[in-house]
Protein backbone atom coordinates (compact mmCIF):
# COMPACT_ATOMS: atom_id res chain seq x y z
CA UNK A 1 1.54 19.37 65.42
CA UNK A 2 2.42 18.17 68.93
CA UNK A 3 5.15 15.73 70.02
CA UNK A 4 2.93 12.62 69.90
CA UNK A 5 1.78 13.43 66.36
CA UNK A 6 5.37 14.05 65.24
CA UNK A 7 6.54 10.77 66.77
CA UNK A 8 3.68 8.86 65.12
CA UNK A 9 4.55 10.32 61.72
CA UNK A 10 8.24 9.51 62.20
CA UNK A 11 7.49 5.88 62.99
CA UNK A 12 4.55 5.10 60.71
CA UNK A 13 4.37 7.51 57.77
CA UNK A 14 5.40 5.81 54.51
CA UNK A 15 6.70 9.04 52.99
CA UNK A 16 9.18 9.60 55.81
CA UNK A 17 10.18 5.92 55.72
CA UNK A 18 10.95 6.30 52.01
CA UNK A 19 13.20 9.29 52.70
CA UNK A 20 15.14 7.08 55.16
CA UNK A 21 15.16 4.03 52.87
CA UNK A 22 18.37 2.02 52.45
CA UNK A 23 18.43 2.39 48.65
CA UNK A 24 17.03 5.92 48.59
CA UNK A 25 19.25 7.30 45.75
CA UNK A 26 18.50 4.30 43.51
CA UNK A 27 14.79 4.29 44.33
CA UNK A 28 14.16 8.01 43.76
CA UNK A 29 16.29 8.40 40.65
CA UNK A 30 14.83 5.26 39.06
CA UNK A 31 11.14 5.96 39.69
CA UNK A 32 11.60 9.57 38.53
CA UNK A 33 13.17 8.30 35.31
CA UNK A 34 10.64 5.53 34.71
CA UNK A 35 7.41 7.22 35.75
CA UNK A 36 7.86 10.99 35.67
CA UNK A 37 10.21 11.53 32.74
CA UNK A 38 8.37 8.94 30.64
CA UNK A 39 4.91 10.23 31.71
CA UNK A 40 3.78 6.69 32.55
CA UNK A 41 1.26 5.75 35.23
CA UNK A 42 1.95 2.01 35.39
CA UNK A 43 4.26 -0.73 34.06
CA UNK A 44 4.05 -4.47 33.85
CA UNK A 45 6.65 -6.34 35.88
CA UNK A 46 8.62 -7.37 32.78
CA UNK A 47 8.81 -3.79 31.48
CA UNK A 48 9.86 -2.30 34.82
CA UNK A 49 12.47 -5.02 35.46
CA UNK A 50 14.02 -4.39 32.05
CA UNK A 51 14.25 -0.63 32.70
CA UNK A 52 15.72 -1.19 36.17
CA UNK A 53 18.32 -3.63 34.78
CA UNK A 54 19.44 -1.04 32.23
CA UNK A 55 19.50 1.68 34.91
CA UNK A 56 21.67 -0.38 37.30
CA UNK A 57 23.97 -1.28 34.40
CA UNK A 58 24.38 2.42 33.54
CA UNK A 59 25.33 3.10 37.17
CA UNK A 60 27.93 0.32 37.06
CA UNK A 61 29.40 1.90 33.95
CA UNK A 62 29.86 5.06 36.04
CA UNK A 63 31.70 3.11 38.76
CA UNK A 64 28.71 2.80 41.16
CA UNK A 65 28.66 -0.86 42.28
CA UNK A 66 26.60 -0.62 45.47
CA UNK A 67 23.54 -2.40 44.06
CA UNK A 68 24.25 -6.10 43.60
CA UNK A 69 20.78 -7.60 43.95
CA UNK A 70 18.51 -8.47 41.02
CA UNK A 71 15.98 -5.98 39.72
CA UNK A 72 13.14 -8.33 40.71
CA UNK A 73 14.33 -8.36 44.34
CA UNK A 74 14.44 -4.56 44.45
CA UNK A 75 10.93 -4.22 43.01
CA UNK A 76 9.53 -6.82 45.39
CA UNK A 77 11.15 -5.13 48.40
CA UNK A 78 9.89 -1.68 47.38
CA UNK A 79 6.39 -3.06 46.93
CA UNK A 80 6.48 -4.73 50.35
CA UNK A 81 7.49 -1.43 51.99
CA UNK A 82 4.65 0.42 50.23
CA UNK A 83 6.81 2.54 47.92
CA UNK A 84 5.28 0.89 44.85
CA UNK A 85 1.83 -0.63 44.43
CA UNK A 86 1.85 -4.15 43.00
CA UNK A 87 -1.43 -5.60 41.73
CA UNK A 88 -2.96 -7.77 39.02
CA UNK A 89 -5.28 -6.47 36.34
CA UNK A 90 -8.16 -8.51 34.99
CA UNK A 91 -7.41 -11.19 32.36
CA UNK A 92 -3.64 -11.14 33.02
CA UNK A 93 -1.29 -13.09 35.26
CA UNK A 94 1.60 -10.59 35.17
CA UNK A 95 1.88 -8.09 38.06
CA UNK A 96 1.52 -4.36 37.37
CA UNK A 97 3.46 -1.66 39.27
CA UNK A 98 2.53 1.95 39.89
CA UNK A 99 3.57 4.67 42.34
CA UNK A 100 1.97 4.73 45.77
CA UNK A 101 0.55 7.95 47.30
CA UNK A 102 3.50 8.04 49.73
CA UNK A 103 6.00 7.99 46.86
CA UNK A 104 4.09 10.74 45.06
CA UNK A 105 4.26 12.89 48.19
CA UNK A 106 8.00 12.26 48.48
CA UNK A 107 8.58 13.21 44.84
CA UNK A 108 6.57 16.43 45.26
CA UNK A 109 8.60 17.38 48.32
CA UNK A 110 11.91 16.63 46.57
CA UNK A 111 10.88 18.63 43.50
CA UNK A 112 10.10 21.59 45.77
CA UNK A 113 13.70 21.40 47.02
CA UNK A 114 15.01 21.90 43.48
CA UNK A 115 14.96 25.63 42.88
CA UNK A 116 13.47 26.74 39.56
CA UNK A 117 15.01 29.31 37.29
CA UNK A 118 12.98 31.92 39.11
CA UNK A 119 10.10 31.94 41.58
CA UNK A 120 6.89 33.26 40.04
CA UNK A 121 5.68 35.48 42.85
CA UNK A 122 3.55 37.71 40.62
CA UNK A 123 1.52 34.89 39.04
CA UNK A 124 1.02 33.24 42.42
CA UNK A 125 -0.22 36.49 43.92
CA UNK A 126 -2.66 36.96 41.01
CA UNK A 127 -3.87 33.40 41.45
CA UNK A 128 -4.33 34.01 45.18
CA UNK A 129 -6.45 37.09 44.53
CA UNK A 130 -8.49 35.30 41.86
CA UNK A 131 -9.30 32.48 44.25
CA UNK A 132 -10.44 34.91 46.93
CA UNK A 133 -12.56 36.78 44.41
CA UNK A 134 -14.10 33.52 43.22
CA UNK A 135 -15.11 32.61 46.78
CA UNK A 136 -16.65 36.02 47.39
CA UNK A 137 -18.48 36.07 44.03
CA UNK A 138 -19.90 32.56 44.45
CA UNK A 139 -21.14 33.25 47.97
CA UNK A 140 -22.55 36.75 47.40
CA UNK A 141 -26.21 37.57 46.90
CA UNK A 142 -27.89 38.17 43.55
CA UNK A 143 -27.66 41.99 43.79
CA UNK A 144 -23.94 41.95 44.59
CA UNK A 145 -23.34 39.44 41.80
CA UNK A 146 -25.11 41.63 39.25
CA UNK A 147 -23.06 44.63 40.33
CA UNK A 148 -19.86 42.64 39.97
CA UNK A 149 -20.80 41.42 36.49
CA UNK A 150 -21.58 44.98 35.42
CA UNK A 151 -18.18 46.13 36.67
CA UNK A 152 -16.49 43.34 34.73
CA UNK A 153 -18.46 44.23 31.59
CA UNK A 154 -17.48 47.89 31.91
CA UNK A 155 -13.84 46.88 32.36
CA UNK A 156 -13.97 44.66 29.26
CA UNK A 157 -15.57 47.42 27.19
CA UNK A 158 -12.82 49.85 28.20
CA UNK A 159 -10.14 47.33 27.28
CA UNK A 160 -11.75 46.77 23.86
CA UNK A 161 -11.86 50.51 23.32
CA UNK A 162 -8.16 50.88 24.16
CA UNK A 163 -7.20 48.04 21.81
CA UNK A 164 -9.22 49.59 18.99
CA UNK A 165 -7.27 52.81 19.53
CA UNK A 166 -4.02 50.87 19.11
CA UNK A 167 -3.07 50.70 22.79
CA UNK A 168 -2.41 46.97 22.95
CA UNK A 169 0.36 45.76 25.29
CA UNK A 170 1.52 42.18 25.04
CA UNK A 171 2.70 40.42 28.20
CA UNK A 172 6.45 40.09 28.57
CA UNK A 173 8.21 36.76 28.04
CA UNK A 174 8.94 36.68 31.77
CA UNK A 175 5.21 36.82 32.59
CA UNK A 176 4.46 34.10 30.02
CA UNK A 177 7.17 31.80 31.43
CA UNK A 178 6.03 32.48 34.98
CA UNK A 179 2.42 31.54 34.23
CA UNK A 180 3.50 28.44 32.30
CA UNK A 181 5.65 27.21 35.20
CA UNK A 182 2.65 27.65 37.49
CA UNK A 183 0.41 25.67 35.08
CA UNK A 184 3.03 22.92 34.82
CA UNK A 185 3.33 22.68 38.59
CA UNK A 186 -0.48 22.52 38.94
CA UNK A 187 -0.66 19.71 36.37
CA UNK A 188 1.96 17.66 38.24
CA UNK A 189 0.20 18.10 41.58
CA UNK A 190 -3.17 17.26 40.06
CA UNK A 191 -1.87 13.94 38.74
CA UNK A 192 -0.22 13.17 42.09
CA UNK A 193 -3.42 13.90 44.02
CA UNK A 194 -5.24 11.20 42.05
CA UNK A 195 -3.10 8.58 43.79
CA UNK A 196 -4.68 9.50 47.11
CA UNK A 197 -8.21 9.52 45.66
CA UNK A 198 -7.70 6.05 44.21
CA UNK A 199 -6.16 4.87 47.50
CA UNK A 200 -9.30 5.97 49.38
CA UNK A 201 -11.51 3.87 47.09
CA UNK A 202 -9.18 0.88 47.46
CA UNK A 203 -9.38 1.20 51.25
CA UNK A 204 -13.17 1.12 50.99
CA UNK A 205 -12.90 -2.00 48.82
CA UNK A 206 -10.59 -3.64 51.37
CA UNK A 207 -12.89 -2.75 54.27
CA UNK A 208 -15.83 -4.20 52.31
CA UNK A 209 -14.03 -7.50 51.77
CA UNK A 210 -13.10 -7.70 55.45
CA UNK A 211 -16.67 -6.88 56.47
CA UNK A 212 -18.04 -9.62 54.21
CA UNK A 213 -15.65 -12.20 55.68
CA UNK A 214 -16.11 -11.31 59.36
CA UNK A 215 -19.72 -10.11 59.49
CA UNK A 216 -22.56 -12.26 60.82
CA UNK A 217 -25.23 -9.81 59.67
CA UNK A 218 -27.99 -10.77 57.31
CA UNK A 219 -27.54 -10.08 53.63
CA UNK A 220 -29.83 -7.05 53.66
CA UNK A 221 -28.18 -5.47 56.74
CA UNK A 222 -24.69 -6.07 55.40
CA UNK A 223 -25.44 -4.55 52.00
CA UNK A 224 -27.13 -1.59 53.68
CA UNK A 225 -24.00 -0.98 55.77
CA UNK A 226 -21.68 -1.19 52.75
CA UNK A 227 -23.82 1.11 50.61
CA UNK A 228 -23.89 3.66 53.43
CA UNK A 229 -20.08 3.66 53.49
CA UNK A 230 -19.96 4.11 49.72
CA UNK A 231 -22.53 6.92 49.80
CA UNK A 232 -20.54 8.59 52.56
CA UNK A 233 -17.37 8.49 50.46
CA UNK A 234 -19.12 9.92 47.38
CA UNK A 235 -20.81 12.64 49.48
CA UNK A 236 -17.55 13.84 51.04
CA UNK A 237 -15.89 16.95 49.64
CA UNK A 238 -13.37 14.75 47.86
CA UNK A 239 -16.06 12.54 46.29
CA UNK A 240 -18.15 15.49 45.12
CA UNK A 241 -15.06 17.20 43.71
CA UNK A 242 -14.07 14.08 41.77
CA UNK A 243 -17.56 13.71 40.27
CA UNK A 244 -17.57 17.32 39.14
CA UNK A 245 -14.04 16.93 37.77
CA UNK A 246 -14.94 13.77 35.81
CA UNK A 247 -18.06 15.33 34.26
CA UNK A 248 -16.03 18.38 33.23
CA UNK A 249 -13.21 16.24 31.83
CA UNK A 250 -15.64 14.11 29.78
CA UNK A 251 -17.18 17.19 28.20
CA UNK A 252 -16.40 17.23 24.48
CA UNK A 253 -16.38 21.03 24.50
CA UNK A 254 -13.78 21.08 27.27
CA UNK A 255 -11.56 18.58 25.44
CA UNK A 256 -11.69 20.52 22.17
CA UNK A 257 -10.95 23.78 23.99
CA UNK A 258 -8.01 22.18 25.83
CA UNK A 259 -6.49 20.89 22.59
CA UNK A 260 -6.84 24.32 21.00
CA UNK A 261 -5.17 26.00 23.99
CA UNK A 262 -2.25 23.55 23.95
CA UNK A 263 -1.66 24.11 20.23
CA UNK A 264 -1.55 27.88 20.71
CA UNK A 265 0.70 27.66 23.78
CA UNK A 266 3.20 25.32 22.10
CA UNK A 267 3.48 27.79 19.22
CA UNK A 268 4.76 30.57 21.52
CA UNK A 269 8.57 31.10 21.26
CA UNK A 270 8.85 31.78 25.01
CA UNK A 271 7.28 28.40 25.82
CA UNK A 272 9.43 26.53 23.29
CA UNK A 273 12.50 28.00 24.96
CA UNK A 274 11.75 26.70 28.48
CA UNK A 275 9.70 23.59 27.74
CA UNK A 276 11.53 20.45 28.88
CA UNK A 277 8.75 18.00 29.83
CA UNK A 278 5.49 16.88 28.22
CA UNK A 279 3.43 17.14 31.42
CA UNK A 280 1.14 19.88 30.13
CA UNK A 281 0.77 18.32 26.67
CA UNK A 282 -0.24 14.93 28.10
CA UNK A 283 -2.42 16.32 30.89
CA UNK A 284 -5.69 15.27 29.26
CA UNK A 285 -4.58 11.71 28.49
CA UNK A 286 -3.04 11.26 31.94
CA UNK A 287 -6.10 12.66 33.71
CA UNK A 288 -8.43 10.38 31.76
CA UNK A 289 -6.29 7.35 32.64
CA UNK A 290 -6.09 8.35 36.31
CA UNK A 291 -9.82 9.09 36.54
CA UNK A 292 -10.64 5.83 34.80
CA UNK A 293 -8.57 3.94 37.39
CA UNK A 294 -10.63 5.56 40.16
CA UNK A 295 -13.83 4.49 38.41
CA UNK A 296 -12.47 0.96 37.98
CA UNK A 297 -11.74 0.83 41.72
CA UNK A 298 -15.39 1.66 42.36
CA UNK A 299 -16.46 -0.94 39.76
CA UNK A 300 -14.36 -3.52 41.61
CA UNK A 301 -16.33 -2.80 44.77
CA UNK A 302 -19.62 -3.34 42.93
CA UNK A 303 -18.31 -6.59 41.42
CA UNK A 304 -17.32 -7.82 44.89
CA UNK A 305 -20.84 -7.12 46.17
CA UNK A 306 -22.35 -9.00 43.23
CA UNK A 307 -20.19 -12.05 43.95
CA UNK A 308 -21.15 -11.87 47.61
CA UNK A 309 -24.88 -11.84 46.80
CA UNK A 310 -24.50 -14.80 44.42
CA UNK A 311 -22.46 -16.76 46.95
CA UNK A 312 -24.93 -15.94 49.71
CA UNK A 313 -27.86 -17.17 47.61
CA UNK A 314 -26.00 -20.39 46.81
CA UNK A 315 -25.16 -20.88 50.48
CA UNK A 316 -28.78 -20.35 51.50
CA UNK A 317 -29.96 -22.84 48.85
CA UNK A 318 -27.52 -25.45 50.10
CA UNK A 319 -28.67 -24.84 53.66
CA UNK A 320 -32.32 -25.39 52.66
CA UNK A 321 -31.48 -28.62 50.81
CA UNK A 322 -29.50 -29.83 53.80
CA UNK A 323 -32.47 -29.17 56.10
CA UNK A 324 -34.81 -31.09 53.77
CA UNK A 325 -32.45 -34.06 53.67
CA UNK A 326 -32.18 -33.99 57.47
CA UNK A 327 -35.99 -34.04 57.83
CA UNK A 328 -36.29 -36.94 55.40
CA UNK A 329 -33.61 -38.88 57.26
CA UNK A 330 -35.35 -38.31 60.60
CA UNK A 331 -38.68 -39.49 59.17
CA UNK A 332 -37.08 -42.71 57.95
CA UNK A 333 -35.31 -43.34 61.27
CA UNK A 334 -38.47 -42.79 63.34
CA UNK A 335 -41.12 -44.06 60.95
CA UNK A 336 -42.27 -46.69 63.47
CA UNK A 337 -42.75 -44.09 66.18
CA UNK A 338 -44.72 -41.59 64.11
CA UNK A 339 -48.34 -41.13 65.32
CA UNK A 340 -50.45 -40.99 62.18
CA UNK A 341 -53.34 -39.39 64.07
CA UNK A 342 -51.28 -36.49 65.33
CA UNK A 343 -51.72 -33.06 63.77
CA UNK A 344 -48.59 -32.16 61.83
CA UNK A 345 -49.60 -29.09 59.90
CA UNK A 346 -52.52 -26.69 59.80
CA UNK A 347 -53.59 -24.65 56.79
CA UNK A 348 -55.74 -21.56 56.97
CA UNK A 349 -58.57 -21.39 54.42
CA UNK A 350 -59.94 -23.99 52.05
CA UNK A 351 -57.56 -26.77 51.04
CA UNK A 352 -57.88 -27.92 47.42
CA UNK A 353 -55.63 -30.89 46.72
CA UNK A 354 -54.78 -31.85 43.14
CA UNK A 355 -54.32 -35.61 42.83
CA UNK A 356 -52.53 -37.38 40.06
CA UNK A 357 -55.39 -39.77 39.31
CA UNK A 358 -57.76 -36.85 38.75
CA UNK A 359 -56.02 -35.98 35.52
CA UNK A 360 -57.84 -37.07 32.33
CA UNK A 361 -56.63 -40.04 30.33
CA UNK A 362 -54.48 -39.59 27.27
CA UNK A 363 -56.38 -39.06 24.04
CA UNK A 364 -54.49 -39.59 20.80
CA UNK A 365 -54.62 -36.60 18.42
CA UNK A 366 -56.95 -36.78 15.46
CA UNK A 367 -55.16 -37.06 12.16
CA UNK A 368 -56.38 -34.67 9.50
CA UNK A 369 -56.95 -36.33 6.14
CA UNK A 370 -56.62 -34.15 3.06
CA UNK A 371 -58.64 -34.82 -0.07
CA UNK A 372 -56.79 -35.67 -3.25
CA UNK A 373 -56.72 -32.23 -4.82
CA UNK A 374 -54.07 -30.44 -6.82
CA UNK A 375 -51.78 -28.24 -4.71
CA UNK A 376 -50.95 -24.87 -6.23
CA UNK A 377 -48.33 -22.35 -5.23
CA UNK A 378 -49.74 -19.60 -3.09
CA UNK A 379 -49.00 -15.90 -3.29
CA UNK A 380 -47.50 -14.10 -0.29
CA UNK A 381 -49.30 -11.00 0.88
CA UNK A 382 -46.15 -9.42 2.38
CA UNK A 383 -43.01 -8.08 0.76
CA UNK A 384 -40.26 -10.67 1.25
CA UNK A 385 -37.51 -8.74 -0.55
CA UNK A 386 -36.26 -7.39 2.78
CA UNK A 387 -35.26 -10.94 3.78
CA UNK A 388 -32.71 -11.01 0.96
CA UNK A 389 -31.39 -7.49 1.52
CA UNK A 390 -29.06 -8.47 4.37
CA UNK A 391 -25.75 -6.71 4.90
CA UNK A 392 -22.58 -7.36 6.85
CA UNK A 393 -20.83 -4.91 9.21
CA UNK A 394 -17.07 -5.35 9.10
CA UNK A 395 -15.76 -4.77 12.65
CA UNK A 396 -12.16 -4.60 11.41
CA UNK A 397 -13.08 -1.76 9.07
CA UNK A 398 -14.64 0.13 12.00
CA UNK A 399 -11.54 -0.52 14.09
CA UNK A 400 -9.34 0.86 11.31
CA UNK A 401 -11.50 4.00 11.18
CA UNK A 402 -10.88 4.56 14.90
CA UNK A 403 -7.12 3.99 14.52
CA UNK A 404 -6.96 6.35 11.56
CA UNK A 405 -8.38 9.29 13.55
CA UNK A 406 -6.25 8.47 16.63
CA UNK A 407 -3.03 8.88 14.65
CA UNK A 408 -3.22 12.65 15.03
CA UNK A 409 -5.20 12.83 18.27
CA UNK A 410 -4.91 11.14 21.63
CA UNK A 411 -8.71 10.92 21.96
CA UNK A 412 -11.72 11.08 19.70
CA UNK A 413 -15.43 11.03 20.51
CA UNK A 414 -17.93 8.80 18.72
CA UNK A 415 -19.81 11.82 17.35
CA UNK A 416 -16.59 13.18 15.81
CA UNK A 417 -15.82 9.74 14.38
CA UNK A 418 -19.24 9.59 12.69
CA UNK A 419 -18.72 13.04 11.20
CA UNK A 420 -15.56 11.81 9.44
CA UNK A 421 -16.84 8.36 8.52
CA UNK A 422 -20.55 8.67 7.81
CA UNK A 423 -22.43 5.46 8.67
CA UNK A 424 -23.71 3.68 5.59
CA UNK A 425 -25.43 0.79 7.33
CA UNK A 426 -27.58 2.62 9.84
CA UNK A 427 -27.80 1.94 13.54
CA UNK A 428 -26.07 -1.43 13.11
CA UNK A 429 -22.81 0.33 12.27
CA UNK A 430 -23.10 2.56 15.35
CA UNK A 431 -23.68 -0.52 17.50
CA UNK A 432 -20.44 -1.89 16.05
CA UNK A 433 -18.53 1.18 17.30
CA UNK A 434 -20.18 0.81 20.72
CA UNK A 435 -19.09 -2.84 20.79
CA UNK A 436 -15.48 -1.80 20.11
CA UNK A 437 -15.58 0.73 22.95
CA UNK A 438 -17.04 -1.69 25.50
CA UNK A 439 -14.68 -4.55 24.63
CA UNK A 440 -11.49 -2.50 25.14
CA UNK A 441 -10.68 -1.13 28.62
CA UNK A 442 -8.66 1.82 27.29
CA UNK A 443 -11.80 3.35 25.76
CA UNK A 444 -14.26 5.20 28.01
CA UNK A 445 -18.06 4.83 28.04
CA UNK A 446 -19.66 7.50 30.25
CA UNK A 447 -23.28 6.48 30.76
CA UNK A 448 -24.02 9.54 32.88
CA UNK A 449 -23.48 11.92 29.94
CA UNK A 450 -25.55 11.65 26.76
CA UNK A 451 -24.64 12.91 23.30
CA UNK A 452 -26.72 13.20 20.13
CA UNK A 453 -25.70 11.13 17.11
CA UNK A 454 -26.96 11.81 13.58
CA UNK A 455 -27.61 8.99 11.09
CA UNK A 456 -28.65 9.71 7.51
CA UNK A 457 -30.48 7.27 5.24
CA UNK A 458 -28.78 7.80 1.89
CA UNK A 459 -31.59 6.16 -0.08
CA UNK A 460 -34.50 8.12 1.38
CA UNK A 461 -32.53 11.20 2.37
CA UNK A 462 -34.05 11.19 5.86
CA UNK A 463 -31.99 12.12 8.92
CA UNK A 464 -32.41 10.34 12.24
CA UNK A 465 -31.18 11.53 15.64
CA UNK A 466 -30.52 9.23 18.57
CA UNK A 467 -29.24 9.62 22.12
CA UNK A 468 -26.27 7.47 23.18
CA UNK A 469 -23.77 7.45 26.08
CA UNK A 470 -20.69 9.62 25.63
CA UNK A 471 -18.01 7.34 24.13
CA UNK A 472 -14.35 8.40 24.01
CA UNK A 473 -11.83 6.32 22.02
CA UNK A 474 -8.29 6.56 23.41
CA UNK A 475 -5.03 5.90 21.60
């Protein structure tokens, strides 16, 4: 960190600009109340303005009258300075606000200034050693890894033996609190880091739009350049880490295990004593929302490329039509000067013209005359009963099934939903659930992960298994 780097950060870094902002106390206290204490990732403009109006009014009740502008002016100014991100979601004309990466960094730094009840040095030291051991174990050879696993097995066997003898020592409440504070801090930082990941994908989207506008390359060369940039981003350490994280998060086993762990932790008296925020409890929901926003940023890039290809094809078609009209106009203007004996075009191979007058004349169809015989009803050789055995799938009933399970859970997988509400109308009912998931943006359809669904025919008693994308319904 030399002088030039320090000066550049002082002048250009958004986080340092926020710490020197004119309305710093109002900005920090308000966004911490609205976003962190409420565990919200985004707000519509109407919602955030209402909360800011109430917050300024509460300050005036305390005798603080320094903030005389409207809440809309404050939000617009903060968005212009990069403290808040203001954007429009699809199918809506109302702006949406969320925290920028610079604001997340400022909040993390300010939270580090607030001293906790105690500093968990022991848990941090254990975590440090565990990380070093993980690096060594993952990079060691097969022989060393086997030796390490044997040592761990021997250690576990000795611990089981001691517990069976009655020598079981529970961790102290101090150790439990210390580890919980560390988990809570990790959860907060994990959610904050997603802002930067999403920002990187948005920058790629912005660069793509600028490249499309300014580039004179051909369509193939331009798409090749954009796809290389996208592949580079996904192949970076950050991109690979996000992919691995998303696959792990979408695992049904991981989600069930996480819910079980949270239920057991919340039942501990030591945790109930110190627990003030719902960061750990809402970690799964918040991570799914944040990861889904990153995926939507990537989907926006793909949609922009699709529009570019369609526009390029339309532009090329118009250019061809314009050239044809220009040729026709030139032929009309210089029709008296055209040399009919001059060679205009040469064709390789045998030329076989098809003239209009070579087509055969129209022949009227021959009318078939039926003899006067009695017409009797025929007998069908196929079973037509299936035509009258139609059924109707009630989408509202399926939607109510989803809402019923989400009353007690924040998320539910399609396989779990089918285990509670067995399909009675076969694959058509499952397609109805898939339609609900694809039509609502809050639900997640992960096409990279497959799960097995079981459908039973109640009449025949047969069971059918089918593979479908992993579908997660969110509250």
